[in-house]
Amino acid sequence: MNVTAELKHVSKLYGNVKAVDDVSFVLEPNKIYGLLGRNGAGKTTLMHMMTAQLFATSGELSVFGEQPYENERVLSQICFIKESQKYPDTFRVVDVLESAGTFFPNWDRDYAYLLAEDFRLPLKRRMKKLSRGMLSSVGIIVGLASRAPLTMFDEPYLGLDAVARAMFYDRLLEDYSVFPRTIVLSTHLIDEVSRLLEHVILVDKGKVLIDEDADTLRGKAFAVVGSASKVEAFLAGKTVIDKQPLGSLLSAAALGELSARERGNAAAEGLEVTPVSLQQLIVYTTNGKTERKAGNAR
């Protein structure tokens, strides 16, 4: 199997604090990944290690089959767009677009300028004078037009309004369909990007909790609402990941797929069953409320 990046038992320590704790996963070519998790989960640290901006404390890490550190062959194939990207004080937007070709062998200058027009960027304005949203737009343009085999976006939407975010998602899908590559999106707006994601890696407290195809996750949990006693009985023996009392009613979510018979039983009991969205599943997985047996509900 071709591999874009591979981590084997990678940890990163800052003193006694484990920012990344024994993490292993593989990034395959030509796939869009969601690297998800709460603030401080370790997402940015992982991306910094894959882009050779940090050393792992332990474990093995390779990108395109090689060590990325001080490796120009590897680093020239990576584009990492950071939320806090810095630029020279004298640089204007046009200077960023004109210099990017020096760093990215697949740089598409014409496409970059088309994107700049789409995002309504003032080409002659200095970077330090741009709004937060405009700075994010510049990063998005560089990330897309770089056409780097491994392109990573760390919170790429900051400061963008809903229209600009939707444009980013549309342009990403359009360009990816013509120029496929490995794309990693680290974001909190899971519902917005869920349609883009082919694979999800969920990190919490430095550990990987989920490493699965997005389609598998979309059918991995369900929610049920109804009489509290009937919901409790229906969920007996299932892994409950959330409970919300609503007076005499109970809203709950559990892992697993329901059979046609189970759905029929739920309908006969007057229970409403709905799928759990990817964002809800991520929230439930990281909120620490999972119950292995519904019968032991708190």
Protein backbone atom coordinates (compact mmCIF):
# COMPACT_ATOMS: atom_id res chain seq x y z
CA MET A 1 0.00 0.00 0.00
CA ASN A 2 1.29 3.45 -0.88
CA VAL A 3 1.51 5.69 2.17
CA THR A 4 1.66 9.48 2.36
CA ALA A 5 2.53 9.59 6.05
CA GLU A 6 2.83 7.02 8.82
CA LEU A 7 3.15 7.39 12.58
CA LYS A 8 4.06 4.45 14.80
CA HIS A 9 3.74 4.87 18.57
CA VAL A 10 4.64 8.57 18.36
CA SER A 11 4.71 10.64 21.56
CA LYS A 12 5.60 14.26 22.24
CA LEU A 13 6.38 15.38 25.77
CA TYR A 14 6.76 18.87 27.18
CA GLY A 15 8.26 18.20 30.58
CA ASN A 16 5.78 15.85 32.26
CA VAL A 17 2.95 16.78 29.91
CA LYS A 18 2.17 14.40 27.04
CA ALA A 19 0.86 16.52 24.17
CA VAL A 20 0.82 13.39 21.98
CA ASP A 21 0.61 9.98 23.62
CA ASP A 22 1.55 6.80 21.72
CA VAL A 23 -0.21 7.76 18.48
CA SER A 24 -0.24 5.49 15.43
CA PHE A 25 -2.05 6.10 12.15
CA VAL A 26 -1.53 6.15 8.39
CA LEU A 27 -2.42 8.83 5.83
CA GLU A 28 -3.08 7.31 2.42
CA PRO A 29 -2.65 9.07 -0.93
CA ASN A 30 -5.54 10.93 -2.52
CA LYS A 31 -7.86 11.06 0.45
CA ILE A 32 -9.40 13.90 2.48
CA TYR A 33 -8.87 13.49 6.22
CA GLY A 34 -10.48 15.23 9.14
CA LEU A 35 -8.06 15.59 12.06
CA LEU A 36 -10.56 16.40 14.76
CA GLY A 37 -10.56 17.07 18.49
CA ARG A 38 -10.97 19.71 21.15
CA ASN A 39 -8.55 22.56 21.78
CA GLY A 40 -5.34 21.18 23.23
CA ALA A 41 -6.07 17.64 22.02
CA GLY A 42 -2.73 17.43 20.18
CA LYS A 43 -3.84 18.05 16.58
CA THR A 44 -1.49 20.94 15.83
CA THR A 45 1.42 19.17 17.53
CA LEU A 46 0.87 16.17 15.24
CA MET A 47 0.88 18.39 12.16
CA HIS A 48 4.00 20.18 13.34
CA MET A 49 5.79 16.85 13.68
CA MET A 50 4.66 15.65 10.24
CA THR A 51 5.95 18.89 8.72
CA ALA A 52 9.30 18.66 10.56
CA GLN A 53 8.65 21.72 12.74
CA LEU A 54 8.83 19.61 15.89
CA PHE A 55 10.73 16.46 16.81
CA ALA A 56 8.87 13.50 18.27
CA THR A 57 10.02 12.50 21.75
CA SER A 58 9.63 8.84 20.83
CA GLY A 59 8.22 6.63 18.10
CA GLU A 60 8.66 6.53 14.33
CA LEU A 61 7.36 9.05 11.81
CA SER A 62 7.79 9.02 8.04
CA VAL A 63 6.37 11.11 5.20
CA PHE A 64 6.47 9.73 1.67
CA GLY A 65 8.52 6.88 3.08
CA GLU A 66 11.31 9.11 4.44
CA GLN A 67 12.18 11.10 7.54
CA PRO A 68 10.92 14.65 6.93
CA TYR A 69 13.51 16.49 9.01
CA GLU A 70 15.87 18.58 6.85
CA ASN A 71 14.69 16.56 3.86
CA GLU A 72 13.99 18.89 0.94
CA ARG A 73 12.56 16.07 -1.21
CA VAL A 74 9.85 15.52 1.36
CA LEU A 75 9.27 19.09 2.52
CA SER A 76 8.81 20.37 -1.04
CA GLN A 77 5.81 18.05 -1.33
CA ILE A 78 4.10 19.43 1.80
CA CYS A 79 2.01 22.55 2.22
CA PHE A 80 1.04 23.34 5.81
CA ILE A 81 -1.34 26.27 6.28
CA LYS A 82 -1.27 27.36 9.90
CA GLU A 83 -3.79 29.53 11.69
CA SER A 84 -0.95 31.78 12.88
CA GLN A 85 0.97 31.96 9.61
CA LYS A 86 3.56 34.78 9.59
CA TYR A 87 4.71 36.83 6.58
CA PRO A 88 7.48 39.41 6.07
CA ASP A 89 6.30 42.88 7.11
CA THR A 90 6.83 44.30 3.62
CA PHE A 91 4.89 41.57 1.82
CA ARG A 92 1.67 42.37 -0.02
CA VAL A 93 -0.87 39.78 -1.10
CA VAL A 94 0.62 39.79 -4.59
CA ASP A 95 4.09 39.14 -3.14
CA VAL A 96 2.83 36.02 -1.37
CA LEU A 97 1.28 34.70 -4.58
CA GLU A 98 4.34 35.48 -6.68
CA SER A 99 6.83 33.94 -4.23
CA ALA A 100 4.84 30.75 -3.53
CA GLY A 101 6.10 29.11 -6.71
CA THR A 102 9.57 29.08 -5.16
CA PHE A 103 8.40 26.72 -2.42
CA PHE A 104 5.84 24.54 -4.20
CA PRO A 105 6.85 22.69 -7.40
CA ASN A 106 3.19 22.20 -8.43
CA TRP A 107 2.22 25.85 -7.85
CA ASP A 108 -0.55 27.04 -10.20
CA ARG A 109 -0.16 30.80 -10.46
CA ASP A 110 -3.19 31.35 -12.67
CA TYR A 111 -5.40 29.37 -10.33
CA ALA A 112 -4.10 31.36 -7.35
CA TYR A 113 -5.13 34.63 -8.97
CA LEU A 114 -8.55 33.24 -9.86
CA LEU A 115 -9.03 32.32 -6.23
CA ALA A 116 -7.86 35.76 -5.11
CA GLU A 117 -10.59 37.24 -7.29
CA ASP A 118 -13.17 34.82 -5.85
CA PHE A 119 -12.23 35.81 -2.30
CA ARG A 120 -12.07 39.51 -3.25
CA LEU A 121 -8.56 40.03 -1.96
CA PRO A 122 -6.83 43.40 -2.40
CA LEU A 123 -3.65 42.27 -4.15
CA LYS A 124 -1.63 45.41 -3.37
CA ARG A 125 -2.49 45.56 0.33
CA ARG A 126 0.24 44.63 2.82
CA MET A 127 -0.30 41.39 4.66
CA LYS A 128 -0.03 43.07 8.08
CA LYS A 129 -2.97 45.30 7.12
CA LEU A 130 -5.32 42.46 6.26
CA SER A 131 -8.28 41.46 8.37
CA ARG A 132 -8.36 38.05 10.07
CA GLY A 133 -10.68 36.76 7.35
CA MET A 134 -8.47 38.03 4.54
CA LEU A 135 -5.42 36.40 6.11
CA SER A 136 -7.34 33.12 6.21
CA SER A 137 -8.27 33.58 2.55
CA VAL A 138 -4.61 34.00 1.59
CA GLY A 139 -3.76 30.78 3.42
CA ILE A 140 -6.58 28.93 1.68
CA ILE A 141 -5.40 30.16 -1.72
CA VAL A 142 -1.81 29.08 -1.06
CA GLY A 143 -2.99 25.70 0.20
CA LEU A 144 -5.20 25.00 -2.81
CA ALA A 145 -2.95 26.45 -5.51
CA SER A 146 0.13 24.69 -4.11
CA ARG A 147 -1.33 21.36 -5.29
CA ALA A 148 1.09 19.79 -2.80
CA PRO A 149 0.79 15.98 -2.51
CA LEU A 150 0.27 16.49 1.24
CA THR A 151 -1.71 19.62 2.03
CA MET A 152 -2.65 20.40 5.64
CA PHE A 153 -5.02 23.11 6.85
CA ASP A 154 -5.01 23.97 10.56
CA GLU A 155 -8.25 25.85 11.38
CA PRO A 156 -8.41 27.42 7.90
CA TYR A 157 -11.72 29.21 8.36
CA LEU A 158 -10.93 31.70 11.16
CA GLY A 159 -12.48 35.07 10.44
CA LEU A 160 -14.28 33.88 7.31
CA ASP A 161 -17.99 34.50 6.97
CA ALA A 162 -20.36 31.69 5.98
CA VAL A 163 -20.21 32.59 2.27
CA ALA A 164 -16.40 32.50 2.19
CA ARG A 165 -16.30 29.22 4.11
CA ALA A 166 -18.75 27.62 1.69
CA MET A 167 -16.62 28.89 -1.20
CA PHE A 168 -13.53 27.28 0.34
CA TYR A 169 -15.25 23.92 0.68
CA ASP A 170 -16.58 24.08 -2.89
CA ARG A 171 -13.23 25.07 -4.39
CA LEU A 172 -11.45 22.38 -2.40
CA LEU A 173 -13.76 19.65 -3.70
CA GLU A 174 -13.62 20.96 -7.26
CA ASP A 175 -9.82 21.09 -7.35
CA TYR A 176 -9.40 17.81 -5.48
CA SER A 177 -11.55 16.02 -8.07
CA VAL A 178 -9.16 17.15 -10.82
CA PHE A 179 -5.90 17.10 -8.84
CA PRO A 180 -6.31 14.48 -6.11
CA ARG A 181 -3.85 14.55 -3.21
CA THR A 182 -3.82 13.90 0.52
CA ILE A 183 -5.60 16.73 2.32
CA VAL A 184 -5.83 17.08 6.09
CA LEU A 185 -8.40 19.45 7.60
CA SER A 186 -8.11 20.29 11.28
CA THR A 187 -11.26 22.16 12.27
CA HIS A 188 -13.96 22.63 14.89
CA LEU A 189 -16.72 23.16 12.31
CA ILE A 190 -17.32 19.45 11.89
CA ASP A 191 -20.86 19.71 10.54
CA GLU A 192 -19.70 22.10 7.82
CA VAL A 193 -16.83 19.92 6.62
CA SER A 194 -18.40 16.50 7.19
CA ARG A 195 -19.47 16.18 3.56
CA LEU A 196 -15.84 16.65 2.48
CA LEU A 197 -14.28 14.06 4.76
CA GLU A 198 -13.41 10.57 3.61
CA HIS A 199 -11.62 9.53 6.80
CA VAL A 200 -11.72 10.79 10.38
CA ILE A 201 -8.93 10.76 12.96
CA LEU A 202 -10.21 11.93 16.34
CA VAL A 203 -7.62 12.94 18.93
CA ASP A 204 -8.39 13.58 22.59
CA LYS A 205 -5.85 14.26 25.33
CA GLY A 206 -3.05 13.28 22.97
CA LYS A 207 -4.53 9.88 22.09
CA VAL A 208 -6.33 8.66 18.98
CA LEU A 209 -9.91 7.68 19.85
CA ILE A 210 -11.25 7.17 16.33
CA ASP A 211 -9.45 6.26 13.10
CA GLU A 212 -12.16 5.24 10.64
CA ASP A 213 -13.69 6.00 7.26
CA ALA A 214 -16.29 8.75 7.50
CA ASP A 215 -19.00 6.64 5.87
CA THR A 216 -18.58 4.00 8.57
CA LEU A 217 -18.85 6.62 11.31
CA ARG A 218 -21.99 8.16 9.83
CA GLY A 219 -23.88 4.95 10.54
CA LYS A 220 -22.18 4.14 13.83
CA ALA A 221 -24.63 5.70 16.28
CA PHE A 222 -28.30 6.53 16.66
CA ALA A 223 -30.44 8.75 18.89
CA VAL A 224 -33.73 7.75 20.46
CA VAL A 225 -36.38 9.91 22.16
CA GLY A 226 -39.44 8.83 24.08
CA SER A 227 -40.78 7.75 27.46
CA ALA A 228 -37.85 7.45 29.84
CA SER A 229 -38.69 3.92 30.93
CA LYS A 230 -39.19 2.73 27.35
CA VAL A 231 -35.94 4.36 26.17
CA GLU A 232 -34.04 2.72 29.06
CA ALA A 233 -35.50 -0.67 28.18
CA PHE A 234 -34.74 -0.23 24.49
CA LEU A 235 -31.11 0.66 25.20
CA ALA A 236 -30.48 -2.21 27.61
CA GLY A 237 -27.12 -3.82 26.78
CA LYS A 238 -26.12 -1.07 24.33
CA THR A 239 -23.20 1.37 24.67
CA VAL A 240 -24.88 4.64 25.59
CA ILE A 241 -22.88 7.75 24.72
CA ASP A 242 -25.29 10.49 25.81
CA LYS A 243 -28.43 11.00 27.91
CA GLN A 244 -30.60 14.09 28.30
CA PRO A 245 -33.72 13.92 30.51
CA LEU A 246 -36.63 15.98 29.19
CA GLY A 247 -39.22 15.86 31.97
CA SER A 248 -40.88 12.45 31.66
CA LEU A 249 -39.07 11.90 28.38
CA LEU A 250 -35.50 10.83 27.74
CA SER A 251 -33.28 11.66 24.77
CA ALA A 252 -30.32 9.31 24.43
CA ALA A 253 -27.68 8.25 21.92
CA ALA A 254 -25.96 4.90 21.59
CA LEU A 255 -23.35 3.22 19.44
CA GLY A 256 -24.27 0.55 16.91
CA GLU A 257 -26.56 -0.04 13.97
CA LEU A 258 -30.18 -0.99 14.49
CA SER A 259 -31.73 -3.91 12.69
CA ALA A 260 -35.05 -3.59 10.89
CA ARG A 261 -36.64 -5.55 13.73
CA GLU A 262 -35.23 -3.18 16.35
CA ARG A 263 -36.50 -0.19 14.43
CA GLY A 264 -39.91 -1.82 14.23
CA ASN A 265 -39.90 -2.44 17.97
CA ALA A 266 -38.95 1.20 18.58
CA ALA A 267 -41.84 2.42 16.42
CA ALA A 268 -44.27 0.10 18.18
CA GLU A 269 -43.19 1.60 21.53
CA GLY A 270 -43.65 5.13 20.23
CA LEU A 271 -39.93 5.89 20.21
CA GLU A 272 -38.41 8.26 17.69
CA VAL A 273 -35.11 7.02 16.25
CA THR A 274 -32.78 9.30 14.25
CA PRO A 275 -29.17 9.07 13.02
CA VAL A 276 -26.42 10.83 14.96
CA SER A 277 -24.44 13.37 12.94
CA LEU A 278 -20.66 13.16 12.70
CA GLN A 279 -20.29 16.26 14.88
CA GLN A 280 -22.62 14.86 17.53
CA LEU A 281 -20.69 11.58 17.53
CA ILE A 282 -17.41 13.44 18.05
CA VAL A 283 -18.90 15.49 20.91
CA TYR A 284 -20.35 12.42 22.58
CA THR A 285 -17.08 10.49 22.19
CA THR A 286 -15.03 13.19 23.89
CA ASN A 287 -17.41 14.28 26.66
CA GLY A 288 -16.51 11.36 28.96
CA LYS A 289 -20.11 10.22 29.46
CA THR A 290 -20.03 6.90 27.62
CA GLU A 291 -21.79 4.11 29.51
CA ARG A 292 -20.81 0.56 28.61
CA LYS A 293 -24.13 -0.80 29.89
CA ALA A 294 -27.35 1.16 29.71
CA GLY A 295 -28.60 -0.67 32.77
CA ASN A 296 -25.98 1.18 34.83
CA ALA A 297 -27.20 4.59 33.73
CA ARG A 298 -26.58 7.46 36.06
